[in-house]
Amino acid sequence: MILADLLGGLGRSVLTALAALGRIVIFALSALSHILRPPLYPREIGAALLNVGWLSLPVVALTAIFTGGALALQIYAGGARFNAEAVVPQIVAIGMVRELGPVLVGLMIAARVTSSIAAEIATMKVTEQIDALVTLSTHPMKYLVAPRVLAGLITVPLLVGIGDIIGIAGGYTVAVRTLGFNAAAYLQNTVNFLELHDIISSLAKGAAFGFVASVMGCYFGMHSGRGAQGVGRATKTSVEAAAVLILAANFVLTGVFFTL
């Protein structure tokens, strides 16, 4: 009986998780369909672009520059054990562009933007503003979700590109100022080592992570419970789900790009 109860509980948990994943996929596809069909709301799109993109730039820049500098120090210290200190520019460049840049930007967006979207939409649901939109014949998916998802798709790849550049600049600054590297040789090694494929994969990851982060915020905001507790739970769950899915998507996309 104990074994049967354990297996039954496990089975119910798996079915519940699959059902939740199915609802999220349907929600994401619905959001994409509303992006592709008029009408659009330029004011809402502009506000979403400002919130997701421009206002996220400071935290992305600070995260990238400190990560690039720390990465240069760690690679130099590790390479010194094998007399391979010269690989610092190459490893910093590929590490930031292929992995650290997209992932760190995605996680920062999940922490800042996903939570903001979830809290905003959940509060609108609690205060019955979403019901008011329906009364005014305005589709909530079209007015609330589509602009935010579109902003995530557009701005996060740009943030990833900026983060990559700033991260490499952070590694360059530490390497030249602290570790004694020649500035021109460092830049030349960076340019020679990076390929177009690396840059495209980085930007593609950024688009995927932006989509995931914005969809998670919208989904959990739209499906939040009532009251302040429901808003708090929706905000917390949205960030957790976005962070886990971003890391999972990074693993899948890395495998895909390595096979190309």
Protein backbone atom coordinates (compact mmCIF):
# COMPACT_ATOMS: atom_id res chain seq x y z
CA MET A 1 0.00 0.00 0.00
CA ILE A 2 2.81 2.42 0.85
CA LEU A 3 4.51 1.79 -2.49
CA ALA A 4 1.22 2.20 -4.33
CA ASP A 5 0.55 5.49 -2.54
CA LEU A 6 4.04 6.75 -3.40
CA LEU A 7 3.68 5.81 -7.06
CA GLY A 8 0.21 7.30 -7.17
CA GLY A 9 1.47 10.56 -5.68
CA LEU A 10 4.35 10.65 -8.13
CA GLY A 11 2.02 10.01 -11.04
CA ARG A 12 -0.35 12.78 -9.95
CA SER A 13 2.57 15.19 -9.61
CA VAL A 14 3.81 14.36 -13.10
CA LEU A 15 0.35 14.76 -14.61
CA THR A 16 -0.13 18.07 -12.82
CA ALA A 17 3.21 19.34 -14.10
CA LEU A 18 2.43 18.25 -17.66
CA ALA A 19 -0.98 19.89 -17.51
CA ALA A 20 0.60 23.14 -16.29
CA LEU A 21 3.22 22.98 -19.05
CA GLY A 22 0.48 22.44 -21.61
CA ARG A 23 -1.43 25.49 -20.38
CA ILE A 24 1.74 27.60 -20.57
CA VAL A 25 2.44 26.43 -24.14
CA ILE A 26 -1.12 27.24 -25.22
CA PHE A 27 -0.83 30.66 -23.56
CA ALA A 28 2.49 31.35 -25.33
CA LEU A 29 1.08 30.36 -28.72
CA SER A 30 -1.94 32.57 -28.10
CA ALA A 31 0.35 35.49 -27.25
CA LEU A 32 2.27 34.99 -30.50
CA SER A 33 -0.94 34.88 -32.51
CA HIS A 34 -2.09 38.19 -31.00
CA ILE A 35 1.26 39.78 -31.85
CA LEU A 36 0.83 38.81 -35.49
CA ARG A 37 -2.77 40.06 -35.79
CA PRO A 38 -4.07 43.65 -35.57
CA PRO A 39 -5.01 45.80 -33.81
CA LEU A 40 -1.82 46.86 -32.07
CA TYR A 41 -1.52 49.37 -29.25
CA PRO A 42 1.52 51.59 -29.94
CA ARG A 43 1.41 53.32 -26.55
CA GLU A 44 1.45 50.02 -24.67
CA ILE A 45 4.21 48.67 -26.92
CA GLY A 46 6.30 51.80 -26.35
CA ALA A 47 5.87 51.59 -22.58
CA ALA A 48 6.80 47.90 -22.62
CA LEU A 49 9.89 48.57 -24.74
CA LEU A 50 10.97 51.26 -22.28
CA ASN A 51 10.41 49.03 -19.25
CA VAL A 52 11.97 45.85 -20.62
CA GLY A 53 14.78 47.46 -22.60
CA TRP A 54 15.97 50.89 -21.57
CA LEU A 55 15.25 50.62 -17.84
CA SER A 56 17.00 47.23 -17.67
CA LEU A 57 20.20 48.58 -19.23
CA PRO A 58 21.91 49.75 -15.99
CA VAL A 59 21.61 46.41 -14.19
CA VAL A 60 22.63 44.52 -17.33
CA ALA A 61 25.68 46.75 -17.82
CA LEU A 62 26.84 46.42 -14.21
CA THR A 63 26.33 42.65 -14.23
CA ALA A 64 28.23 42.25 -17.50
CA ILE A 65 31.23 44.43 -16.66
CA PHE A 66 31.87 42.80 -13.29
CA THR A 67 31.38 39.32 -14.75
CA GLY A 68 33.82 40.01 -17.58
CA GLY A 69 36.43 41.35 -15.16
CA ALA A 70 36.05 38.43 -12.76
CA LEU A 71 36.19 35.97 -15.66
CA ALA A 72 39.49 37.44 -16.86
CA LEU A 73 41.00 37.11 -13.38
CA GLN A 74 39.80 33.51 -12.98
CA ILE A 75 41.05 32.42 -16.41
CA TYR A 76 44.42 34.06 -15.83
CA ALA A 77 44.79 32.36 -12.43
CA GLY A 78 43.77 28.98 -13.86
CA GLY A 79 45.84 29.33 -17.00
CA ALA A 80 48.93 30.22 -14.97
CA ARG A 81 49.01 26.65 -13.64
CA PHE A 82 49.60 25.38 -17.19
CA ASN A 83 51.56 28.35 -18.59
CA ALA A 84 48.49 29.25 -20.67
CA GLU A 85 47.83 32.80 -19.50
CA ALA A 86 47.70 34.00 -23.12
CA VAL A 87 44.26 32.42 -23.67
CA VAL A 88 42.50 35.03 -21.50
CA PRO A 89 41.13 37.18 -24.38
CA GLN A 90 39.85 34.18 -26.31
CA ILE A 91 38.13 32.51 -23.36
CA VAL A 92 36.63 35.76 -22.06
CA ALA A 93 35.21 36.51 -25.50
CA ILE A 94 33.71 33.10 -26.14
CA GLY A 95 32.55 32.69 -22.54
CA MET A 96 30.70 36.00 -22.54
CA VAL A 97 29.23 35.71 -26.03
CA ARG A 98 28.21 32.06 -26.02
CA GLU A 99 27.10 31.51 -22.43
CA LEU A 100 27.54 34.06 -19.68
CA GLY A 101 26.23 37.07 -21.58
CA PRO A 102 22.89 35.59 -22.68
CA VAL A 103 22.28 33.62 -19.48
CA LEU A 104 23.10 36.45 -17.07
CA VAL A 105 21.03 38.95 -19.05
CA GLY A 106 18.16 36.45 -19.16
CA LEU A 107 18.30 35.92 -15.40
CA MET A 108 18.48 39.66 -14.75
CA ILE A 109 15.44 40.16 -16.97
CA ALA A 110 13.66 37.37 -15.09
CA ALA A 111 14.47 39.03 -11.78
CA ARG A 112 13.53 42.54 -12.83
CA VAL A 113 11.02 42.37 -15.68
CA THR A 114 9.20 39.09 -15.09
CA SER A 115 8.44 40.03 -11.49
CA SER A 116 7.29 43.50 -12.56
CA ILE A 117 4.98 42.17 -15.26
CA ALA A 118 3.49 39.51 -13.00
CA ALA A 119 2.88 41.94 -10.14
CA GLU A 120 1.36 44.56 -12.44
CA ILE A 121 -1.02 42.22 -14.23
CA ALA A 122 -1.93 40.35 -11.04
CA THR A 123 -2.78 43.65 -9.35
CA MET A 124 -4.94 44.60 -12.33
CA LYS A 125 -6.75 41.29 -11.97
CA VAL A 126 -7.29 41.77 -8.23
CA THR A 127 -8.64 45.29 -8.74
CA GLU A 128 -10.87 44.05 -11.61
CA GLN A 129 -9.19 46.24 -14.22
CA ILE A 130 -8.92 43.23 -16.54
CA ASP A 131 -12.68 42.71 -16.22
CA ALA A 132 -13.12 46.37 -17.12
CA LEU A 133 -11.07 45.83 -20.29
CA VAL A 134 -13.35 42.97 -21.30
CA THR A 135 -16.37 45.19 -20.63
CA LEU A 136 -14.89 47.79 -22.97
CA SER A 137 -14.45 45.10 -25.68
CA THR A 138 -10.65 45.16 -25.34
CA HIS A 139 -9.01 41.75 -25.40
CA PRO A 140 -6.65 41.43 -22.40
CA MET A 141 -4.26 39.25 -24.38
CA LYS A 142 -4.07 41.87 -27.10
CA TYR A 143 -3.76 44.87 -24.75
CA LEU A 144 -1.68 43.48 -21.87
CA VAL A 145 0.19 40.39 -23.03
CA ALA A 146 1.10 40.97 -26.68
CA PRO A 147 2.96 44.30 -26.13
CA ARG A 148 5.05 42.85 -23.30
CA VAL A 149 5.93 39.67 -25.15
CA LEU A 150 6.82 41.67 -28.27
CA ALA A 151 9.04 43.94 -26.14
CA GLY A 152 10.81 40.90 -24.73
CA LEU A 153 11.45 39.50 -28.20
CA ILE A 154 12.85 42.81 -29.48
CA THR A 155 14.81 44.28 -26.59
CA VAL A 156 16.41 41.32 -24.82
CA PRO A 157 18.59 40.35 -27.85
CA LEU A 158 19.76 43.98 -27.94
CA LEU A 159 20.51 43.85 -24.23
CA VAL A 160 22.43 40.60 -24.75
CA GLY A 161 24.51 42.21 -27.50
CA ILE A 162 25.25 45.21 -25.29
CA GLY A 163 26.02 42.93 -22.34
CA ASP A 164 28.43 40.89 -24.46
CA ILE A 165 30.31 44.03 -25.50
CA ILE A 166 30.44 45.43 -21.98
CA GLY A 167 31.52 42.07 -20.54
CA ILE A 168 34.37 41.80 -23.03
CA ALA A 169 35.29 45.41 -22.21
CA GLY A 170 35.38 44.50 -18.51
CA GLY A 171 37.74 41.61 -19.23
CA TYR A 172 39.85 43.86 -21.44
CA THR A 173 40.14 46.51 -18.74
CA VAL A 174 41.22 44.03 -16.08
CA ALA A 175 43.63 42.25 -18.42
CA VAL A 176 45.30 45.43 -19.64
CA ARG A 177 45.30 47.42 -16.39
CA THR A 178 45.98 44.64 -13.91
CA LEU A 179 47.40 41.60 -15.69
CA GLY A 180 49.80 43.36 -18.04
CA PHE A 181 48.32 42.39 -21.42
CA ASN A 182 49.06 44.44 -24.51
CA ALA A 183 45.90 46.35 -25.43
CA ALA A 184 46.17 45.99 -29.21
CA ALA A 185 47.07 42.30 -29.05
CA TYR A 186 44.17 41.62 -26.65
CA LEU A 187 41.65 43.23 -28.98
CA GLN A 188 43.11 41.49 -32.03
CA ASN A 189 42.90 38.07 -30.35
CA THR A 190 39.29 38.76 -29.36
CA VAL A 191 38.27 39.74 -32.89
CA ASN A 192 40.12 36.84 -34.51
CA PHE A 193 38.64 34.22 -32.17
CA LEU A 194 34.98 35.19 -32.34
CA GLU A 195 32.92 33.93 -35.28
CA LEU A 196 29.63 35.09 -36.74
CA HIS A 197 28.05 31.84 -35.55
CA ASP A 198 28.87 32.76 -31.94
CA ILE A 199 27.21 36.17 -32.25
CA ILE A 200 24.09 34.77 -33.94
CA SER A 201 23.71 32.08 -31.28
CA SER A 202 24.04 34.70 -28.55
CA LEU A 203 21.34 36.93 -30.04
CA ALA A 204 19.06 33.95 -30.72
CA LYS A 205 19.36 32.91 -27.08
CA GLY A 206 18.50 36.47 -26.09
CA ALA A 207 15.28 36.36 -28.13
CA ALA A 208 14.32 33.01 -26.62
CA PHE A 209 15.06 34.16 -23.07
CA GLY A 210 13.14 37.40 -23.59
CA PHE A 211 10.16 35.43 -24.83
CA VAL A 212 10.29 33.06 -21.87
CA ALA A 213 10.67 35.84 -19.30
CA SER A 214 7.82 37.94 -20.65
CA VAL A 215 5.46 35.00 -21.15
CA MET A 216 6.05 33.75 -17.60
CA GLY A 217 5.29 37.17 -16.16
CA CYS A 218 2.11 37.52 -18.20
CA TYR A 219 0.92 33.95 -17.58
CA PHE A 220 1.26 33.97 -13.81
CA GLY A 221 -0.10 37.50 -13.62
CA MET A 222 -3.20 36.55 -15.60
CA HIS A 223 -3.70 33.40 -13.51
CA SER A 224 -2.98 34.88 -10.08
CA GLY A 225 -5.14 34.32 -7.04
CA ARG A 226 -7.21 36.98 -5.36
CA GLY A 227 -5.85 39.39 -2.78
CA ALA A 228 -2.35 40.51 -1.84
CA GLN A 229 -1.30 36.93 -1.17
CA GLY A 230 -2.25 35.93 -4.71
CA VAL A 231 -0.22 38.80 -6.16
CA GLY A 232 2.82 37.84 -4.07
CA ARG A 233 2.54 34.17 -5.00
CA ALA A 234 2.18 35.00 -8.71
CA THR A 235 5.26 37.24 -8.61
CA LYS A 236 7.40 34.67 -6.81
CA THR A 237 6.29 31.75 -9.00
CA SER A 238 6.79 33.69 -12.22
CA VAL A 239 10.43 34.49 -11.39
CA GLU A 240 11.15 30.91 -10.32
CA ALA A 241 9.57 29.47 -13.47
CA ALA A 242 11.30 31.99 -15.75
CA ALA A 243 14.74 31.33 -14.25
CA VAL A 244 14.39 27.54 -14.51
CA LEU A 245 13.02 27.67 -18.06
CA ILE A 246 15.76 30.08 -19.16
CA LEU A 247 18.44 27.69 -17.90
CA ALA A 248 16.68 24.74 -19.53
CA ALA A 249 16.31 26.64 -22.81
CA ASN A 250 19.99 27.58 -22.66
CA PHE A 251 20.94 23.91 -22.39
CA VAL A 252 18.72 22.95 -25.34
CA LEU A 253 19.83 25.85 -27.53
CA THR A 254 23.50 25.25 -26.74
CA GLY A 255 23.10 21.63 -27.87
CA VAL A 256 21.35 22.77 -31.04
CA PHE A 257 23.99 25.35 -31.96
CA PHE A 258 26.84 22.93 -31.23
CA THR A 259 25.39 20.50 -33.78
CA LEU A 260 25.12 23.13 -36.53
